[in-house]
């Protein structure tokens, strides 16, 4: 294969990883099996390291493969595997074609910002040593891409699905079904929007500047790439100084005057191989010694590309619509059609009086399989894959529930959903090992927290009316209704049987404070198995079935 064809191989591989990763995050029908998710995300650098340190298993050590590739060919992870890298390439590709001044389509060499990028890397590693992963979570490229997909792009996809479902229903076609769009907290939108603005602006102006200044993964791999065996370089004998390689280098690391390539910053996009008219770009090893007399450069079959002054081309408004259309949809996603109430569904109980006693949680609730809040917050990279995969949407990005260092890490938010008794999806898809996969039977006894009952908020007490919503929804019968006043019954919680699934809290109709809520266990415990009562009843079959 000719070297100039490497670019097309790279584009194909990077688009494959990008599309598969996006599908993993945007899948709202649970069509993607967990095994497929694990295969797609195996080579993602930071989650792989976290999972390896948690399980100490070579089967989850995809980062070793990445390091090996970096030692061989440099930072190919940044150009092919990293979805945020491909996302930047898409922005750069579109931006260069929307600019009126075509001269600005080209890049030019810039000095390395080593103090900034290695300073950020050092600060990130130092914070990790002292147990603070917030900086890594905010800057990790995979986690940022996951938050973009989950919190920004997914609502647009769900809205488009709901619109399509309404249209197909009107035509008598039932290929699509409407999906409820849960409310997303402000903190879940602010940070992804800020990072999307930063990454997008840097990609629009300077190509891969984020990868070579801000991204700690890029800075770490740049140190490893210094020892790469095969490095991109300029053959001084073949190079005629046309400068085309410098103009297409998204890393701004090729100096046409000095005929050098700063391989620490090179992300291996291979644009230089594709554009060079005289095969002046080559792979070289560290022990290469140039020949005393370079041979004449063989010309390619296609003519030498010149760089004349380019005229302005009219702006294609259709491309602008492609970019700004989804943003407009994102701004209006809350107005899109929601799931309608099913016919025959029981009318929910509505509290008439506001509750007065505030809920006082002593601890947040971490997902099943996370073992403890300490383990969860120390390993989770806040990629939000579990948030995206959760079928009941009970997982939501935290703000200060885990403290400052736990911002954006998922927590159980029972106001928007509850933990399905027969579901272990979050542990199956977690790429970092923060949520470990557990058998379903073990999950059914995993006590994430304990339900607490506040009688002063219950409508049985405040309004003198029947309710029982909490008891009806409790899967372990930890909440039972006991006699209270006259014919009224009131909830009673058996803590030993409660698993903290939050079904009772989610079903409770009182506002603004719940009459029953889940207080988290900092360390998960094991609940008692619910007792099953056998009905001892003799049946006269002749009497019961006379015919």
Protein backbone atom coordinates (compact mmCIF):
# COMPACT_ATOMS: atom_id res chain seq x y z
CA UNK A 1 0.00 0.00 0.00
CA UNK A 2 1.32 3.43 -0.90
CA UNK A 3 1.89 5.85 1.95
CA UNK A 4 -0.43 8.45 0.45
CA UNK A 5 -3.31 5.99 0.94
CA UNK A 6 -2.79 5.90 4.72
CA UNK A 7 -5.02 8.93 5.12
CA UNK A 8 -8.01 7.13 3.66
CA UNK A 9 -7.41 4.13 5.91
CA UNK A 10 -7.21 6.46 8.90
CA UNK A 11 -10.42 8.24 7.92
CA UNK A 12 -12.26 4.94 7.56
CA UNK A 13 -11.07 3.56 10.91
CA UNK A 14 -11.74 6.80 12.78
CA UNK A 15 -15.27 7.10 11.37
CA UNK A 16 -15.94 3.48 12.33
CA UNK A 17 -14.92 4.08 15.97
CA UNK A 18 -16.77 7.40 16.02
CA UNK A 19 -20.05 5.99 14.71
CA UNK A 20 -19.95 2.89 16.93
CA UNK A 21 -19.19 4.94 20.04
CA UNK A 22 -21.98 7.39 19.23
CA UNK A 23 -24.42 4.50 18.75
CA UNK A 24 -23.47 3.13 22.18
CA UNK A 25 -24.38 6.44 23.83
CA UNK A 26 -27.43 7.29 21.72
CA UNK A 27 -29.08 3.85 21.81
CA UNK A 28 -32.40 4.44 23.62
CA UNK A 29 -34.03 1.09 22.79
CA UNK A 30 -31.41 -1.13 24.49
CA UNK A 31 -30.66 -2.79 21.16
CA UNK A 32 -26.89 -2.78 21.70
CA UNK A 33 -25.83 -5.76 23.89
CA UNK A 34 -23.37 -5.08 26.76
CA UNK A 35 -20.75 -7.37 25.19
CA UNK A 36 -20.75 -5.20 22.07
CA UNK A 37 -20.41 -2.08 24.22
CA UNK A 38 -17.38 -3.55 25.96
CA UNK A 39 -15.76 -4.41 22.64
CA UNK A 40 -16.29 -0.93 21.18
CA UNK A 41 -14.94 0.84 24.28
CA UNK A 42 -12.09 -1.58 25.02
CA UNK A 43 -9.39 0.74 23.67
CA UNK A 44 -10.60 3.96 25.30
CA UNK A 45 -7.56 5.04 27.30
CA UNK A 46 -8.72 6.50 30.63
CA UNK A 47 -11.64 4.11 31.29
CA UNK A 48 -9.37 1.18 30.45
CA UNK A 49 -6.76 2.29 32.99
CA UNK A 50 -9.41 2.79 35.67
CA UNK A 51 -10.92 -0.64 35.06
CA UNK A 52 -7.53 -2.33 35.04
CA UNK A 53 -6.59 -0.74 38.37
CA UNK A 54 -9.92 -1.93 39.77
CA UNK A 55 -9.95 -5.51 38.48
CA UNK A 56 -6.23 -6.11 37.76
CA UNK A 57 -7.19 -8.21 34.75
CA UNK A 58 -5.31 -8.23 31.46
CA UNK A 59 -8.67 -8.79 29.75
CA UNK A 60 -9.62 -5.16 30.44
CA UNK A 61 -6.21 -3.64 29.71
CA UNK A 62 -6.99 -1.99 26.40
CA UNK A 63 -4.69 0.90 27.29
CA UNK A 64 -1.73 -1.49 26.91
CA UNK A 65 -2.68 -1.87 23.26
CA UNK A 66 -2.85 1.91 22.91
CA UNK A 67 0.60 2.32 24.48
CA UNK A 68 2.00 -0.35 22.17
CA UNK A 69 0.55 1.40 19.11
CA UNK A 70 2.01 4.68 20.35
CA UNK A 71 5.45 3.11 20.77
CA UNK A 72 5.24 1.82 17.22
CA UNK A 73 3.61 4.62 15.23
CA UNK A 74 3.05 7.57 17.56
CA UNK A 75 -0.30 9.04 18.58
CA UNK A 76 -2.57 7.08 16.27
CA UNK A 77 -5.01 6.77 19.19
CA UNK A 78 -5.71 10.50 18.89
CA UNK A 79 -6.48 10.29 15.17
CA UNK A 80 -8.35 6.98 14.90
CA UNK A 81 -9.71 5.66 18.23
CA UNK A 82 -10.53 8.79 20.24
CA UNK A 83 -14.10 9.90 19.34
CA UNK A 84 -13.45 13.47 20.47
CA UNK A 85 -10.48 13.65 18.10
CA UNK A 86 -12.67 12.62 15.17
CA UNK A 87 -15.30 15.10 16.34
CA UNK A 88 -12.70 17.87 16.11
CA UNK A 89 -11.73 16.71 12.62
CA UNK A 90 -15.36 16.96 11.50
CA UNK A 91 -15.58 20.51 12.85
CA UNK A 92 -12.33 21.48 11.14
CA UNK A 93 -13.44 19.88 7.87
CA UNK A 94 -16.73 21.79 7.82
CA UNK A 95 -15.17 25.02 9.07
CA UNK A 96 -12.57 25.17 6.31
CA UNK A 97 -15.28 24.89 3.70
CA UNK A 98 -17.47 27.56 5.23
CA UNK A 99 -14.78 30.23 5.43
CA UNK A 100 -15.03 32.96 2.84
CA UNK A 101 -11.29 33.63 2.76
CA UNK A 102 -9.87 30.45 1.32
CA UNK A 103 -6.33 31.43 2.31
CA UNK A 104 -7.33 30.76 5.91
CA UNK A 105 -8.10 27.19 5.01
CA UNK A 106 -4.45 26.38 5.61
CA UNK A 107 -2.56 25.79 8.85
CA UNK A 108 0.93 26.96 9.63
CA UNK A 109 3.58 25.82 12.06
CA UNK A 110 3.30 27.07 15.64
CA UNK A 111 5.64 26.68 18.62
CA UNK A 112 4.78 23.93 21.13
CA UNK A 113 3.05 25.08 24.30
CA UNK A 114 4.89 22.62 26.51
CA UNK A 115 4.55 24.62 29.71
CA UNK A 116 0.78 24.70 29.37
CA UNK A 117 0.12 21.12 28.27
CA UNK A 118 2.56 19.44 30.63
CA UNK A 119 1.44 21.76 33.41
CA UNK A 120 -2.15 20.57 32.95
CA UNK A 121 -0.95 16.95 32.80
CA UNK A 122 1.06 17.40 35.99
CA UNK A 123 -1.83 19.04 37.81
CA UNK A 124 -4.16 16.24 36.72
CA UNK A 125 -1.81 13.51 37.93
CA UNK A 126 -1.13 15.35 41.19
CA UNK A 127 -4.85 15.68 41.85
CA UNK A 128 -5.29 11.95 41.22
CA UNK A 129 -2.54 11.14 43.70
CA UNK A 130 -4.46 13.03 46.38
CA UNK A 131 -7.74 11.36 45.42
CA UNK A 132 -9.34 14.13 43.35
CA UNK A 133 -10.44 13.02 39.90
CA UNK A 134 -12.53 16.06 38.96
CA UNK A 135 -9.87 17.60 36.71
CA UNK A 136 -9.39 14.34 34.81
CA UNK A 137 -13.14 13.86 34.49
CA UNK A 138 -13.58 17.35 33.04
CA UNK A 139 -10.74 17.01 30.51
CA UNK A 140 -10.79 13.33 29.54
CA UNK A 141 -11.68 13.22 25.81
CA UNK A 142 -13.80 10.06 25.97
CA UNK A 143 -15.82 11.30 28.94
CA UNK A 144 -16.38 14.67 27.30
CA UNK A 145 -17.65 13.00 24.14
CA UNK A 146 -19.93 10.81 26.26
CA UNK A 147 -21.40 13.86 27.99
CA UNK A 148 -21.93 15.57 24.64
CA UNK A 149 -23.86 12.55 23.37
CA UNK A 150 -25.87 11.89 26.54
CA UNK A 151 -26.81 15.41 27.61
CA UNK A 152 -26.81 17.38 24.34
CA UNK A 153 -27.24 15.10 21.33
CA UNK A 154 -29.45 12.40 22.85
CA UNK A 155 -32.40 14.74 23.60
CA UNK A 156 -32.29 15.85 19.97
CA UNK A 157 -32.33 12.21 18.81
CA UNK A 158 -35.22 11.39 21.15
CA UNK A 159 -37.12 14.44 19.96
CA UNK A 160 -36.60 13.48 16.33
CA UNK A 161 -37.76 9.95 17.16
CA UNK A 162 -40.93 11.27 18.82
CA UNK A 163 -41.70 13.49 15.84
CA UNK A 164 -41.15 10.52 13.51
CA UNK A 165 -43.34 8.33 15.71
CA UNK A 166 -46.18 10.86 15.59
CA UNK A 167 -45.93 11.13 11.81
CA UNK A 168 -45.77 7.35 11.33
CA UNK A 169 -48.77 6.87 13.65
CA UNK A 170 -50.82 9.27 11.55
CA UNK A 171 -49.95 7.20 8.48
CA UNK A 172 -50.93 3.95 10.15
CA UNK A 173 -47.32 2.80 10.48
CA UNK A 174 -46.01 1.69 13.86
CA UNK A 175 -42.31 1.28 13.27
CA UNK A 176 -41.42 3.90 15.87
CA UNK A 177 -42.67 4.53 19.39
CA UNK A 178 -42.52 7.68 21.46
CA UNK A 179 -39.96 7.86 24.25
CA UNK A 180 -40.26 10.09 27.29
CA UNK A 181 -37.67 12.84 27.49
CA UNK A 182 -36.77 13.27 31.14
CA UNK A 183 -35.79 16.64 32.49
CA UNK A 184 -32.05 17.27 32.54
CA UNK A 185 -30.53 19.27 35.39
CA UNK A 186 -28.77 22.55 34.76
CA UNK A 187 -25.40 21.15 35.84
CA UNK A 188 -25.75 18.38 33.26
CA UNK A 189 -26.03 21.02 30.53
CA UNK A 190 -23.65 23.76 31.67
CA UNK A 191 -20.43 21.75 31.71
CA UNK A 192 -20.97 19.92 28.39
CA UNK A 193 -21.98 23.18 26.68
CA UNK A 194 -18.88 24.92 28.02
CA UNK A 195 -16.58 22.10 26.88
CA UNK A 196 -18.34 21.83 23.53
CA UNK A 197 -17.76 25.55 23.03
CA UNK A 198 -14.07 25.25 23.98
CA UNK A 199 -13.36 22.16 21.88
CA UNK A 200 -15.39 23.45 18.94
CA UNK A 201 -13.77 26.88 18.94
CA UNK A 202 -10.23 25.47 19.13
CA UNK A 203 -10.98 22.97 16.36
CA UNK A 204 -12.54 25.69 14.22
CA UNK A 205 -9.55 28.01 14.62
CA UNK A 206 -6.54 25.76 15.11
CA UNK A 207 -7.35 22.13 14.28
CA UNK A 208 -6.02 19.83 17.00
CA UNK A 209 -4.95 22.56 19.44
CA UNK A 210 -7.10 21.03 22.22
CA UNK A 211 -5.29 17.71 21.85
CA UNK A 212 -1.87 19.40 22.11
CA UNK A 213 -2.55 21.90 24.89
CA UNK A 214 -5.48 20.87 27.12
CA UNK A 215 -6.06 17.12 26.80
CA UNK A 216 -4.09 15.19 29.46
CA UNK A 217 -4.33 11.97 27.43
CA UNK A 218 -2.76 13.68 24.42
CA UNK A 219 0.03 15.11 26.59
CA UNK A 220 0.77 11.73 28.14
CA UNK A 221 0.84 9.98 24.78
CA UNK A 222 3.08 12.71 23.39
CA UNK A 223 5.71 11.71 25.99
CA UNK A 224 5.40 8.07 24.91
CA UNK A 225 5.56 8.96 21.20
CA UNK A 226 9.05 10.40 21.71
CA UNK A 227 10.26 6.80 21.78
CA UNK A 228 8.19 5.62 18.79
CA UNK A 229 9.95 3.31 16.36
CA UNK A 230 8.32 4.57 13.16
CA UNK A 231 8.14 8.35 12.98
CA UNK A 232 6.84 10.67 10.32
CA UNK A 233 9.65 12.78 8.91
CA UNK A 234 10.58 14.86 5.86
CA UNK A 235 13.04 13.41 3.34
CA UNK A 236 15.26 16.42 2.68
CA UNK A 237 16.42 14.99 -0.62
CA UNK A 238 12.91 14.52 -1.98
CA UNK A 239 11.34 17.61 -0.44
CA UNK A 240 11.25 20.70 -2.67
CA UNK A 241 9.92 23.08 -0.03
CA UNK A 242 6.44 23.60 -1.52
CA UNK A 243 4.95 23.82 1.98
CA UNK A 244 1.80 21.81 1.25
CA UNK A 245 2.46 19.46 4.16
CA UNK A 246 2.63 22.38 6.60
CA UNK A 247 -0.62 23.83 5.30
CA UNK A 248 -2.62 20.64 5.91
CA UNK A 249 -1.06 19.69 9.27
CA UNK A 250 -3.85 19.98 11.85
CA UNK A 251 -1.31 19.69 14.67
CA UNK A 252 0.71 22.63 13.28
CA UNK A 253 3.87 20.63 13.88
CA UNK A 254 5.51 20.63 10.39
CA UNK A 255 8.08 23.33 9.64
CA UNK A 256 8.64 23.54 5.88
CA UNK A 257 11.63 25.90 6.24
CA UNK A 258 13.55 23.68 8.65
CA UNK A 259 12.08 20.52 7.09
CA UNK A 260 11.27 19.04 10.48
CA UNK A 261 8.27 17.35 12.09
CA UNK A 262 7.59 17.81 15.82
CA UNK A 263 6.50 14.21 16.30
CA UNK A 264 5.48 14.82 19.93
CA UNK A 265 2.52 16.85 18.66
CA UNK A 266 1.80 14.80 15.52
CA UNK A 267 -1.50 12.92 15.83
CA UNK A 268 -0.91 10.71 12.79
CA UNK A 269 -3.62 12.08 10.52
CA UNK A 270 -1.45 11.32 7.43
CA UNK A 271 -2.69 14.41 5.58
CA UNK A 272 0.90 15.23 4.75
CA UNK A 273 1.41 11.87 3.01
CA UNK A 274 -1.68 12.40 0.90
CA UNK A 275 -0.87 15.97 -0.18
CA UNK A 276 2.88 15.69 -0.84
CA UNK A 277 3.48 15.66 -4.65
CA UNK A 278 7.01 14.16 -4.52
CA UNK A 279 6.88 11.47 -1.80
CA UNK A 280 8.80 13.77 0.51
CA UNK A 281 7.05 12.45 3.64
CA UNK A 282 8.46 9.18 4.97
CA UNK A 283 8.54 6.94 8.04
CA UNK A 284 11.90 6.79 9.77
CA UNK A 285 13.33 5.03 12.77
CA UNK A 286 15.30 6.80 15.54
CA UNK A 287 18.55 5.22 14.37
CA UNK A 288 18.17 6.41 10.76
CA UNK A 289 21.22 8.14 9.30
CA UNK A 290 20.75 10.26 6.17
CA UNK A 291 22.70 9.27 3.08
CA UNK A 292 25.58 11.57 2.12
CA UNK A 293 24.06 12.24 -1.30
CA UNK A 294 20.33 12.09 -1.68
CA UNK A 295 19.00 10.63 -4.89
CA UNK A 296 16.66 12.67 -7.10
CA UNK A 297 13.04 12.45 -6.06
CA UNK A 298 10.85 10.33 -8.34
CA UNK A 299 7.80 12.25 -9.47
CA UNK A 300 4.40 10.82 -8.83
CA UNK A 301 2.18 9.80 -11.66
CA UNK A 302 -0.18 12.68 -10.96
CA UNK A 303 1.10 16.23 -11.58
CA UNK A 304 2.65 18.41 -8.90
CA UNK A 305 0.04 20.37 -7.01
CA UNK A 306 0.65 24.10 -6.99
CA UNK A 307 -0.76 26.63 -4.59
CA UNK A 308 -2.04 29.55 -6.63
CA UNK A 309 -4.11 32.31 -5.14
CA UNK A 310 -7.57 30.93 -4.57
CA UNK A 311 -10.64 32.97 -5.36
CA UNK A 312 -13.49 33.40 -2.99
CA UNK A 313 -16.25 30.87 -3.39
CA UNK A 314 -19.88 31.53 -2.48
CA UNK A 315 -20.91 30.25 0.93
CA UNK A 316 -23.09 27.18 0.78
CA UNK A 317 -26.05 28.03 3.03
CA UNK A 318 -27.11 24.38 3.10
CA UNK A 319 -23.98 23.51 5.07
CA UNK A 320 -24.78 26.17 7.63
CA UNK A 321 -28.21 24.65 8.02
CA UNK A 322 -26.62 21.28 8.69
CA UNK A 323 -24.67 22.80 11.59
CA UNK A 324 -27.21 25.19 13.08
CA UNK A 325 -30.25 22.97 12.51
CA UNK A 326 -29.43 20.50 15.31
CA UNK A 327 -28.56 23.41 17.63
CA UNK A 328 -31.97 24.92 17.04
CA UNK A 329 -33.55 21.53 17.73
CA UNK A 330 -31.56 21.27 20.95
CA UNK A 331 -32.89 24.64 22.10
CA UNK A 332 -36.47 23.47 21.60
CA UNK A 333 -36.26 19.85 22.73
CA UNK A 334 -38.37 20.44 25.85
CA UNK A 335 -41.32 21.36 23.62
CA UNK A 336 -41.25 18.11 21.68
CA UNK A 337 -44.02 15.55 22.17
CA UNK A 338 -43.75 13.34 25.24
CA UNK A 339 -45.10 9.91 26.02
CA UNK A 340 -48.85 9.99 26.29
CA UNK A 341 -50.80 8.38 29.08
CA UNK A 342 -51.88 4.83 28.20
CA UNK A 343 -55.61 4.08 28.01
CA UNK A 344 -56.95 2.51 31.19
CA UNK A 345 -53.94 3.55 33.26
CA UNK A 346 -54.76 4.23 36.93
CA UNK A 347 -55.18 7.90 37.73
CA UNK A 348 -52.30 9.06 39.94
CA UNK A 349 -52.91 10.40 43.44
CA UNK A 350 -52.40 14.15 43.68
CA UNK A 351 -51.57 15.82 47.00
CA UNK A 352 -53.71 18.88 47.73
CA UNK A 353 -51.60 20.32 50.53
CA UNK A 354 -47.86 21.06 50.27
CA UNK A 355 -45.58 19.04 52.52
CA UNK A 356 -43.65 20.98 55.15
CA UNK A 357 -40.86 18.79 56.59
CA UNK A 358 -37.65 18.92 54.49
CA UNK A 359 -35.94 15.69 53.42
CA UNK A 360 -32.60 15.31 55.19
CA UNK A 361 -30.34 12.80 53.45
CA UNK A 362 -27.12 11.99 55.27
CA UNK A 363 -25.55 10.44 52.17
CA UNK A 364 -26.09 10.31 48.42
CA UNK A 365 -27.02 7.02 46.76
CA UNK A 366 -24.54 5.44 44.37
CA UNK A 367 -25.59 2.91 41.68
CA UNK A 368 -25.90 -0.83 42.37
CA UNK A 369 -22.58 -2.56 41.88
CA UNK A 370 -20.53 0.48 42.90
CA UNK A 371 -19.89 -1.14 46.32
CA UNK A 372 -19.37 2.18 48.11
CA UNK A 373 -19.35 5.88 47.46
CA UNK A 374 -15.59 5.99 48.04
CA UNK A 375 -14.93 3.35 45.39
CA UNK A 376 -17.42 4.86 42.97
CA UNK A 377 -16.18 8.46 43.14
CA UNK A 378 -12.52 7.43 42.95
CA UNK A 379 -12.97 5.38 39.76
CA UNK A 380 -15.86 6.98 37.85
CA UNK A 381 -14.81 9.21 34.93
CA UNK A 382 -18.29 10.74 34.52
CA UNK A 383 -18.66 9.56 30.93
CA UNK A 384 -22.44 9.18 31.54
CA UNK A 385 -22.74 5.93 29.62
CA UNK A 386 -24.71 4.46 32.55
CA UNK A 387 -26.94 7.56 32.51
CA UNK A 388 -27.63 7.00 28.83
CA UNK A 389 -28.21 3.24 29.19
CA UNK A 390 -30.44 3.35 32.29
CA UNK A 391 -33.96 2.35 31.10
CA UNK A 392 -35.77 4.17 33.93
CA UNK A 393 -33.51 7.27 33.84
CA UNK A 394 -32.96 7.14 37.60
CA UNK A 395 -29.26 7.89 37.12
CA UNK A 396 -28.51 11.59 36.74
CA UNK A 397 -25.33 13.72 36.90
CA UNK A 398 -24.56 14.87 40.43
CA UNK A 399 -23.77 18.42 41.42
CA UNK A 400 -22.55 18.48 45.02
CA UNK A 401 -24.10 15.26 46.30
CA UNK A 402 -20.66 13.62 46.36
CA UNK A 403 -18.79 16.83 47.11
CA UNK A 404 -16.87 19.10 44.75
CA UNK A 405 -14.67 16.30 43.39
CA UNK A 406 -17.76 14.27 42.44
CA UNK A 407 -19.38 16.86 40.19
CA UNK A 408 -21.02 15.23 37.13
CA UNK A 409 -20.61 11.70 38.47
CA UNK A 410 -23.94 9.82 38.26
CA UNK A 411 -26.14 9.51 41.32
CA UNK A 412 -29.55 7.97 41.95
CA UNK A 413 -32.13 10.71 41.38
CA UNK A 414 -35.46 9.25 42.48
CA UNK A 415 -37.42 12.30 41.44
CA UNK A 416 -37.02 11.27 37.80
CA UNK A 417 -37.11 7.49 38.11
CA UNK A 418 -36.37 4.43 40.23
CA UNK A 419 -33.97 1.50 40.01
CA UNK A 420 -35.63 -1.37 38.18
CA UNK A 421 -35.65 -4.48 40.38
CA UNK A 422 -34.69 -6.74 37.44
CA UNK A 423 -32.04 -4.55 35.81
CA UNK A 424 -28.22 -4.64 35.95
CA UNK A 425 -27.47 -2.68 32.78
CA UNK A 426 -25.39 0.06 34.43
CA UNK A 427 -22.83 -2.44 35.71
CA UNK A 428 -22.70 -4.28 32.41
CA UNK A 429 -21.88 -1.19 30.35
CA UNK A 430 -19.62 0.77 32.74
CA UNK A 431 -16.23 1.03 30.96
CA UNK A 432 -14.16 2.13 33.97
CA UNK A 433 -15.14 -0.40 36.65
CA UNK A 434 -16.77 2.23 38.87
CA UNK A 435 -19.95 0.13 38.62
CA UNK A 436 -18.98 -3.52 38.69
CA UNK A 437 -21.17 -6.12 36.99
CA UNK A 438 -23.08 -8.21 39.54
CA UNK A 439 -25.51 -11.13 39.15
CA UNK A 440 -29.17 -10.21 39.19
CA UNK A 441 -29.85 -12.21 42.36
CA UNK A 442 -27.06 -10.35 44.15
CA UNK A 443 -28.35 -7.03 42.91
CA UNK A 444 -31.81 -7.78 44.31
CA UNK A 445 -30.26 -7.97 47.79
CA UNK A 446 -27.80 -5.10 47.40
CA UNK A 447 -28.88 -2.38 49.82
CA UNK A 448 -27.97 0.98 48.29
CA UNK A 449 -29.79 2.83 51.05
CA UNK A 450 -32.77 2.63 53.36
CA UNK A 451 -36.19 4.22 53.01
CA UNK A 452 -37.13 6.76 55.66
CA UNK A 453 -40.76 7.64 56.40
CA UNK A 454 -41.83 11.17 57.38
CA UNK A 455 -45.36 10.91 58.75
CA UNK A 456 -45.82 14.69 58.89
CA UNK A 457 -45.58 14.83 55.07
CA UNK A 458 -47.82 11.84 54.29
CA UNK A 459 -51.25 12.70 52.88
CA UNK A 460 -52.76 10.02 55.10
CA UNK A 461 -51.79 12.25 58.03
CA UNK A 462 -52.19 15.71 56.47
CA UNK A 463 -55.32 15.13 54.40
CA UNK A 464 -56.90 12.09 56.04
CA UNK A 465 -57.09 10.20 52.76
CA UNK A 466 -55.96 6.78 51.55
CA UNK A 467 -52.81 6.46 49.45
CA UNK A 468 -50.51 3.44 49.66
CA UNK A 469 -48.54 4.31 46.51
CA UNK A 470 -45.23 3.59 48.22
CA UNK A 471 -46.30 0.13 49.36
CA UNK A 472 -47.77 -0.77 45.98
CA UNK A 473 -44.50 -0.02 44.18
CA UNK A 474 -42.09 -1.60 46.70
CA UNK A 475 -40.65 -4.78 45.06
CA UNK A 476 -39.39 -6.30 48.34
CA UNK A 477 -42.43 -5.42 50.48
CA UNK A 478 -40.19 -3.46 52.82
CA UNK A 479 -42.98 -0.86 52.94
CA UNK A 480 -46.26 -2.18 54.33
CA UNK A 481 -49.52 -0.45 55.16
CA UNK A 482 -50.58 -0.80 58.81
CA UNK A 483 -53.76 0.37 60.59
CA UNK A 484 -53.72 4.02 61.56
CA UNK A 485 -56.93 5.94 62.28
CA UNK A 486 -60.30 4.36 61.73
CA UNK A 487 -60.22 2.72 58.32
CA UNK A 488 -57.04 4.53 57.28
CA UNK A 489 -53.74 2.71 56.90
CA UNK A 490 -50.29 4.29 56.89
CA UNK A 491 -46.86 3.14 55.63
CA UNK A 492 -44.41 1.28 57.85
CA UNK A 493 -40.82 0.61 56.70
CA UNK A 494 -38.95 -2.61 57.47
CA UNK A 495 -35.36 -1.44 57.00
CA UNK A 496 -33.85 -4.92 56.86
CA UNK A 497 -35.75 -5.73 53.66
CA UNK A 498 -35.28 -2.37 51.92
CA UNK A 499 -32.77 -2.25 49.04
CA UNK A 500 -33.00 1.49 48.37
CA UNK A 501 -34.39 1.16 44.84
CA UNK A 502 -36.40 4.37 45.31
CA UNK A 503 -39.67 3.04 43.86
CA UNK A 504 -41.48 4.25 46.98
CA UNK A 505 -39.95 7.73 46.81
CA UNK A 506 -40.65 8.05 43.10
CA UNK A 507 -44.29 7.04 43.58
CA UNK A 508 -44.92 9.29 46.59
CA UNK A 509 -47.26 12.13 45.49
CA UNK A 510 -46.33 14.72 48.12
CA UNK A 511 -44.64 17.98 47.09
CA UNK A 512 -42.26 19.72 47.53
CA UNK A 513 -40.94 17.22 50.11
CA UNK A 514 -41.49 13.49 49.90
CA UNK A 515 -43.16 11.61 52.72
CA UNK A 516 -40.80 8.69 52.09
CA UNK A 517 -37.27 8.94 50.74
CA UNK A 518 -34.10 6.88 50.44
CA UNK A 519 -31.09 7.74 52.57
CA UNK A 520 -27.95 6.31 51.00
CA UNK A 521 -25.53 3.81 52.50
CA UNK A 522 -21.91 5.05 52.14
CA UNK A 523 -20.99 1.36 51.96
CA UNK A 524 -23.53 -0.92 50.33
CA UNK A 525 -24.99 -3.60 52.57
CA UNK A 526 -26.91 -6.82 52.03
CA UNK A 527 -30.65 -6.76 52.67
CA UNK A 528 -32.66 -9.65 53.98
CA UNK A 529 -34.53 -11.68 51.43
CA UNK A 530 -38.22 -10.96 51.45
CA UNK A 531 -40.26 -13.71 53.07
CA UNK A 532 -42.82 -15.45 50.89
CA UNK A 533 -45.99 -16.50 52.64
CA UNK A 534 -47.63 -19.72 51.58
CA UNK A 535 -51.40 -19.80 51.70
CA UNK A 536 -52.49 -22.98 53.47
CA UNK A 537 -55.95 -23.57 52.10
CA UNK A 538 -57.75 -26.81 51.44
CA UNK A 539 -59.73 -26.91 48.23
CA UNK A 540 -62.72 -29.14 47.61
CA UNK A 541 -62.17 -29.81 43.92
CA UNK A 542 -65.56 -31.46 43.54
CA UNK A 543 -67.26 -28.41 44.96
CA UNK A 544 -65.05 -25.95 43.12
CA UNK A 545 -65.39 -27.70 39.75
CA UNK A 546 -68.82 -29.35 39.69
CA UNK A 547 -68.66 -30.04 35.94
